């Protein structure tokens, strides 16, 4: 049985997964956790991704953390292969794999029978040229006309994902949102549990988290990553908080503006995450800090 813990950033997925792991362990199960947060894949990106320090992982094995350099490009295709291979190994060892994260496409690529369309360098180059000449907003406008659902999910600033969505549309004649896996076609038997929070409570929590990131040294972390090629990284350089910290270091934003921009983007990202996971069928949802949620989850997993 594959277990997945999903939800928006800041809802407490990591804490819930560890509480669940302890409860299952107390009942004789071995648990290993697989990360499904795209930015926690990167070495050195700790403060801005809320990555759990090793000392706070309660002794449970965690996979797919700190596996990429900031110059490496993360892709859903790559992630799917890595995560599924790990999960197969965990199951073969007789343990329970717990997939934890808020990167919706990454989670979906593991849970569902998701097969990726091919690529076409000529098509991709055409859209990349538009991004270079006119910016990501031009791609967003194109995608919004053709595939509003994907445009809303991706947002107006992620040029790489916008290029891919337009490329898939040209290759398949179908919107990217139409190529997403069918909920009725799971990769393997799984149970999905969601952690949610009321919007006003979550917004306040996220704003506090962003302020704390700056107090905890995000700018210094970014200074250390710049010589390692952070700005050259196709994926890592766009991470919320990191791009704004770079702009602060370069003198393009003051600290207050960098914090405000990060908070606004984080709130917007959390809305997209919540919308993504609400489309899943058969998710058992609980509120952050629900004392009974772990017991209900254990009961469902163990039958």
Protein backbone atom coordinates (compact mmCIF):
# COMPACT_ATOMS: atom_id res chain seq x y z
CA UNK A 1 0.00 0.00 0.00
CA UNK A 2 1.34 3.41 -1.02
CA UNK A 3 0.34 6.26 1.30
CA UNK A 4 0.37 9.88 0.13
CA UNK A 5 0.11 13.01 2.29
CA UNK A 6 -0.84 16.07 0.23
CA UNK A 7 -1.91 19.66 0.72
CA UNK A 8 -0.85 23.25 0.33
CA UNK A 9 2.38 24.63 1.69
CA UNK A 10 2.23 25.51 5.37
CA UNK A 11 -0.53 23.08 6.31
CA UNK A 12 1.70 20.75 8.33
CA UNK A 13 2.22 17.81 5.96
CA UNK A 14 5.71 17.00 7.28
CA UNK A 15 4.61 16.91 10.91
CA UNK A 16 1.57 14.81 10.00
CA UNK A 17 3.72 12.33 8.06
CA UNK A 18 6.08 11.91 11.01
CA UNK A 19 3.22 11.48 13.49
CA UNK A 20 1.75 8.88 11.14
CA UNK A 21 5.10 7.12 10.78
CA UNK A 22 5.44 6.89 14.56
CA UNK A 23 1.89 5.55 14.94
CA UNK A 24 2.47 2.90 12.27
CA UNK A 25 5.84 2.02 13.77
CA UNK A 26 4.17 1.48 17.15
CA UNK A 27 1.97 -1.11 15.42
CA UNK A 28 4.94 -3.00 14.01
CA UNK A 29 5.16 -1.36 10.57
CA UNK A 30 8.37 -0.02 9.05
CA UNK A 31 7.89 3.35 7.34
CA UNK A 32 10.04 5.21 4.82
CA UNK A 33 9.20 8.70 3.59
CA UNK A 34 9.57 9.89 -0.02
CA UNK A 35 9.74 13.62 -0.69
CA UNK A 36 7.38 15.12 -3.30
CA UNK A 37 8.39 18.77 -2.94
CA UNK A 38 10.22 19.86 -6.10
CA UNK A 39 12.48 22.40 -4.41
CA UNK A 40 13.50 20.13 -1.53
CA UNK A 41 15.28 17.99 -4.12
CA UNK A 42 18.09 20.58 -4.16
CA UNK A 43 21.16 20.50 -1.96
CA UNK A 44 21.65 23.66 0.04
CA UNK A 45 18.09 24.95 -0.42
CA UNK A 46 16.96 24.44 3.14
CA UNK A 47 15.66 27.61 4.78
CA UNK A 48 13.43 28.71 1.92
CA UNK A 49 11.92 25.25 1.36
CA UNK A 50 11.17 24.44 5.02
CA UNK A 51 13.22 21.27 4.61
CA UNK A 52 13.28 19.16 7.77
CA UNK A 53 16.78 18.99 9.29
CA UNK A 54 18.08 15.45 9.77
CA UNK A 55 17.80 15.84 13.55
CA UNK A 56 14.05 16.47 13.23
CA UNK A 57 13.24 13.45 11.04
CA UNK A 58 12.65 11.25 14.12
CA UNK A 59 14.90 8.51 12.83
CA UNK A 60 12.80 7.67 9.76
CA UNK A 61 14.44 7.22 6.37
CA UNK A 62 13.73 10.14 4.02
CA UNK A 63 14.30 9.82 0.28
CA UNK A 64 14.68 12.35 -2.55
CA UNK A 65 15.97 15.14 -0.38
CA UNK A 66 19.25 16.86 -1.36
CA UNK A 67 19.72 14.81 -4.53
CA UNK A 68 20.26 17.59 -7.09
CA UNK A 69 22.69 20.47 -7.51
CA UNK A 70 21.16 23.90 -8.00
CA UNK A 71 22.32 23.87 -11.62
CA UNK A 72 20.43 20.63 -12.35
CA UNK A 73 17.05 20.82 -14.05
CA UNK A 74 14.29 18.91 -12.30
CA UNK A 75 11.65 17.36 -14.52
CA UNK A 76 8.48 15.46 -13.73
CA UNK A 77 9.59 12.61 -15.99
CA UNK A 78 12.84 12.21 -14.05
CA UNK A 79 11.05 12.49 -10.72
CA UNK A 80 8.46 9.88 -11.65
CA UNK A 81 11.17 7.32 -12.48
CA UNK A 82 13.17 8.01 -9.33
CA UNK A 83 10.20 8.03 -6.97
CA UNK A 84 8.59 4.90 -8.39
CA UNK A 85 11.87 2.99 -8.26
CA UNK A 86 12.29 3.99 -4.63
CA UNK A 87 8.71 3.06 -3.76
CA UNK A 88 9.08 -0.33 -5.44
CA UNK A 89 12.18 -0.93 -3.32
CA UNK A 90 10.46 0.14 -0.12
CA UNK A 91 7.53 -2.19 -0.77
CA UNK A 92 9.93 -5.04 -1.62
CA UNK A 93 11.54 -4.52 1.80
CA UNK A 94 8.16 -4.98 3.45
CA UNK A 95 7.91 -1.35 4.53
CA UNK A 96 5.20 1.29 4.01
CA UNK A 97 6.16 4.10 1.60
CA UNK A 98 4.73 7.49 2.53
CA UNK A 99 4.84 10.06 -0.28
CA UNK A 100 4.78 13.58 1.17
CA UNK A 101 4.64 16.89 -0.64
CA UNK A 102 2.76 19.69 -2.28
CA UNK A 103 4.12 19.67 -5.83
CA UNK A 104 0.90 18.55 -7.49
CA UNK A 105 2.26 17.36 -10.82
CA UNK A 106 5.02 15.39 -9.08
CA UNK A 107 2.53 13.69 -6.76
CA UNK A 108 0.17 12.92 -9.64
CA UNK A 109 2.97 11.48 -11.74
CA UNK A 110 3.57 8.87 -9.05
CA UNK A 111 0.01 8.09 -8.03
CA UNK A 112 -1.61 7.80 -11.44
CA UNK A 113 -0.98 6.07 -14.74
CA UNK A 114 0.71 9.15 -16.15
CA UNK A 115 2.59 8.76 -19.44
CA UNK A 116 4.43 11.77 -20.75
CA UNK A 117 4.07 13.14 -24.28
CA UNK A 118 7.29 13.34 -26.26
CA UNK A 119 9.23 16.47 -27.11
CA UNK A 120 9.98 18.37 -30.30
CA UNK A 121 13.07 20.63 -30.27
CA UNK A 122 11.73 22.83 -33.06
CA UNK A 123 8.43 23.49 -31.29
CA UNK A 124 10.16 24.06 -27.98
CA UNK A 125 12.67 26.46 -29.53
CA UNK A 126 9.88 28.52 -31.04
CA UNK A 127 8.22 29.07 -27.68
CA UNK A 128 11.53 29.62 -25.91
CA UNK A 129 12.27 32.38 -28.42
CA UNK A 130 8.95 34.03 -27.54
CA UNK A 131 9.89 33.86 -23.86
CA UNK A 132 13.30 35.41 -24.56
CA UNK A 133 11.89 38.19 -26.70
CA UNK A 134 8.60 39.00 -24.96
CA UNK A 135 8.79 37.34 -21.55
CA UNK A 136 6.88 34.59 -19.81
CA UNK A 137 3.74 36.71 -19.81
CA UNK A 138 3.42 36.34 -23.57
CA UNK A 139 3.50 32.55 -23.21
CA UNK A 140 0.93 32.76 -20.44
CA UNK A 141 -1.41 34.75 -22.67
CA UNK A 142 -1.06 32.15 -25.42
CA UNK A 143 -1.72 29.28 -23.06
CA UNK A 144 -4.66 31.03 -21.45
CA UNK A 145 -6.34 31.19 -24.85
CA UNK A 146 -5.71 27.51 -25.58
CA UNK A 147 -5.78 25.82 -22.19
CA UNK A 148 -7.13 28.05 -19.39
CA UNK A 149 -6.94 25.27 -16.80
CA UNK A 150 -3.22 24.71 -17.35
CA UNK A 151 -2.53 28.44 -17.48
CA UNK A 152 -4.21 28.91 -14.11
CA UNK A 153 -2.30 25.98 -12.63
CA UNK A 154 1.11 27.12 -13.90
CA UNK A 155 0.77 30.86 -13.43
CA UNK A 156 2.26 33.71 -15.49
CA UNK A 157 5.92 33.54 -14.43
CA UNK A 158 7.14 29.96 -14.94
CA UNK A 159 8.42 30.14 -18.53
CA UNK A 160 9.77 26.58 -18.55
CA UNK A 161 6.43 25.01 -17.63
CA UNK A 162 4.54 27.34 -19.95
CA UNK A 163 6.79 26.28 -22.85
CA UNK A 164 6.16 22.64 -22.03
CA UNK A 165 2.38 23.09 -21.85
CA UNK A 166 2.32 24.81 -25.24
CA UNK A 167 4.63 22.16 -26.71
CA UNK A 168 2.37 19.35 -25.48
CA UNK A 169 -0.63 21.09 -26.98
CA UNK A 170 1.06 21.34 -30.37
CA UNK A 171 2.28 17.74 -30.26
CA UNK A 172 -0.92 16.07 -29.12
CA UNK A 173 -3.64 18.44 -30.23
CA UNK A 174 -4.91 18.29 -26.68
CA UNK A 175 -4.42 20.69 -23.76
CA UNK A 176 -1.87 19.69 -21.15
CA UNK A 177 -4.71 19.54 -18.63
CA UNK A 178 -6.32 16.94 -20.89
CA UNK A 179 -3.22 14.74 -20.75
CA UNK A 180 -3.20 14.54 -16.96
CA UNK A 181 -3.72 11.05 -15.52
CA UNK A 182 -7.19 9.73 -15.03
CA UNK A 183 -8.06 9.53 -11.34
CA UNK A 184 -9.48 6.06 -11.95
CA UNK A 185 -6.13 4.70 -13.20
CA UNK A 186 -3.81 4.38 -10.21
CA UNK A 187 -0.22 3.24 -10.67
CA UNK A 188 -0.51 0.97 -7.62
CA UNK A 189 -3.00 0.65 -4.74
CA UNK A 190 -2.76 3.79 -2.64
CA UNK A 191 -4.48 5.83 0.05
CA UNK A 192 -4.30 9.61 -0.13
CA UNK A 193 -4.70 11.86 2.89
CA UNK A 194 -4.91 15.63 2.75
CA UNK A 195 -4.00 18.27 5.30
CA UNK A 196 -5.85 21.57 4.93
CA UNK A 197 -6.47 24.79 6.81
CA UNK A 198 -8.99 27.62 6.70
CA UNK A 199 -7.76 30.26 4.27
CA UNK A 200 -7.39 33.17 6.74
CA UNK A 201 -5.46 30.99 9.18
CA UNK A 202 -3.20 29.66 6.44
CA UNK A 203 -2.48 33.13 5.03
CA UNK A 204 -1.41 34.39 8.44
CA UNK A 205 0.77 31.31 8.93
CA UNK A 206 2.41 31.68 5.52
CA UNK A 207 3.17 35.36 6.08
CA UNK A 208 4.80 34.49 9.40
CA UNK A 209 6.78 31.73 7.73
CA UNK A 210 8.17 34.09 5.10
CA UNK A 211 9.22 36.60 7.76
CA UNK A 212 10.89 33.76 9.66
CA UNK A 213 12.77 32.64 6.54
CA UNK A 214 14.50 36.01 6.41
CA UNK A 215 15.25 35.92 10.15
CA UNK A 216 16.62 32.38 9.78
CA UNK A 217 19.15 33.48 7.18
CA UNK A 218 17.63 32.87 3.75
CA UNK A 219 19.64 35.72 2.24
CA UNK A 220 22.89 34.26 3.60
CA UNK A 221 21.88 30.83 2.28
CA UNK A 222 21.34 32.34 -1.16
CA UNK A 223 24.69 34.15 -1.01
CA UNK A 224 26.30 30.76 -0.47
CA UNK A 225 24.42 29.24 -3.42
CA UNK A 226 25.27 31.95 -5.93
CA UNK A 227 28.89 30.76 -6.44
CA UNK A 228 27.47 27.24 -6.98
CA UNK A 229 25.44 28.45 -9.95
CA UNK A 230 22.01 29.18 -8.47
CA UNK A 231 21.21 31.79 -11.11
CA UNK A 232 22.07 29.33 -13.89
CA UNK A 233 19.69 26.72 -12.55
CA UNK A 234 16.63 26.42 -14.75
CA UNK A 235 14.47 25.16 -11.89
CA UNK A 236 16.17 26.25 -8.68
CA UNK A 237 16.61 29.88 -9.71
CA UNK A 238 12.83 30.31 -9.91
CA UNK A 239 12.07 28.99 -6.44
CA UNK A 240 9.81 31.31 -4.47
CA UNK A 241 11.91 33.26 -1.99
CA UNK A 242 15.21 32.46 -3.68
CA UNK A 243 14.58 34.64 -6.72
CA UNK A 244 13.50 37.48 -4.42
CA UNK A 245 16.54 37.04 -2.17
CA UNK A 246 18.78 37.19 -5.25
CA UNK A 247 17.07 40.43 -6.28
CA UNK A 248 17.70 41.81 -2.78
CA UNK A 249 21.38 40.84 -2.93
CA UNK A 250 21.68 42.48 -6.37
CA UNK A 251 20.14 45.68 -5.05
CA UNK A 252 17.03 45.32 -7.23
CA UNK A 253 14.68 44.97 -4.25
CA UNK A 254 14.81 46.24 -0.71
CA UNK A 255 14.41 43.68 2.06
CA UNK A 256 10.80 44.68 2.77
CA UNK A 257 9.85 44.47 -0.90
CA UNK A 258 11.57 41.08 -1.26
CA UNK A 259 9.65 39.74 1.74
CA UNK A 260 6.35 41.16 0.51
CA UNK A 261 6.85 39.72 -2.99
CA UNK A 262 7.72 36.31 -1.55
CA UNK A 263 4.67 36.33 0.72
CA UNK A 264 2.35 37.24 -2.16
CA UNK A 265 3.76 34.52 -4.41
CA UNK A 266 3.55 31.97 -1.58
CA UNK A 267 -0.12 32.76 -0.96
CA UNK A 268 -0.85 32.44 -4.69
CA UNK A 269 1.04 29.13 -4.88
CA UNK A 270 -0.89 27.75 -1.90
CA UNK A 271 -4.18 28.55 -3.66
CA UNK A 272 -3.05 26.65 -6.76
CA UNK A 273 -1.97 23.67 -4.64
CA UNK A 274 -5.27 23.53 -2.80
CA UNK A 275 -7.16 23.66 -6.10
CA UNK A 276 -5.00 20.88 -7.58
CA UNK A 277 -5.46 18.42 -4.74
CA UNK A 278 -9.19 19.12 -4.38
CA UNK A 279 -9.61 17.42 -7.77
CA UNK A 280 -8.46 14.10 -6.33
CA UNK A 281 -11.11 11.53 -5.51
CA UNK A 282 -11.28 9.60 -2.24
CA UNK A 283 -8.99 11.88 -0.23
CA UNK A 284 -9.57 11.91 3.51
CA UNK A 285 -9.04 15.51 4.61
CA UNK A 286 -8.16 16.76 8.06
CA UNK A 287 -7.34 20.14 9.56
CA UNK A 288 -3.87 21.04 10.75
CA UNK A 289 -3.37 19.79 14.28
CA UNK A 290 -6.41 17.47 14.32
CA UNK A 291 -5.51 15.15 17.19
CA UNK A 292 -7.68 12.32 15.87
CA UNK A 293 -6.53 12.47 12.25
CA UNK A 294 -3.53 10.20 12.70
CA UNK A 295 -5.65 7.49 14.38
CA UNK A 296 -8.20 7.66 11.55
CA UNK A 297 -5.41 7.45 8.99
CA UNK A 298 -3.81 4.44 10.66
CA UNK A 299 -7.18 2.69 10.83
CA UNK A 300 -7.73 3.23 7.11
CA UNK A 301 -4.25 2.07 6.16
CA UNK A 302 -4.32 -1.06 8.30
CA UNK A 303 -7.97 -1.81 7.53
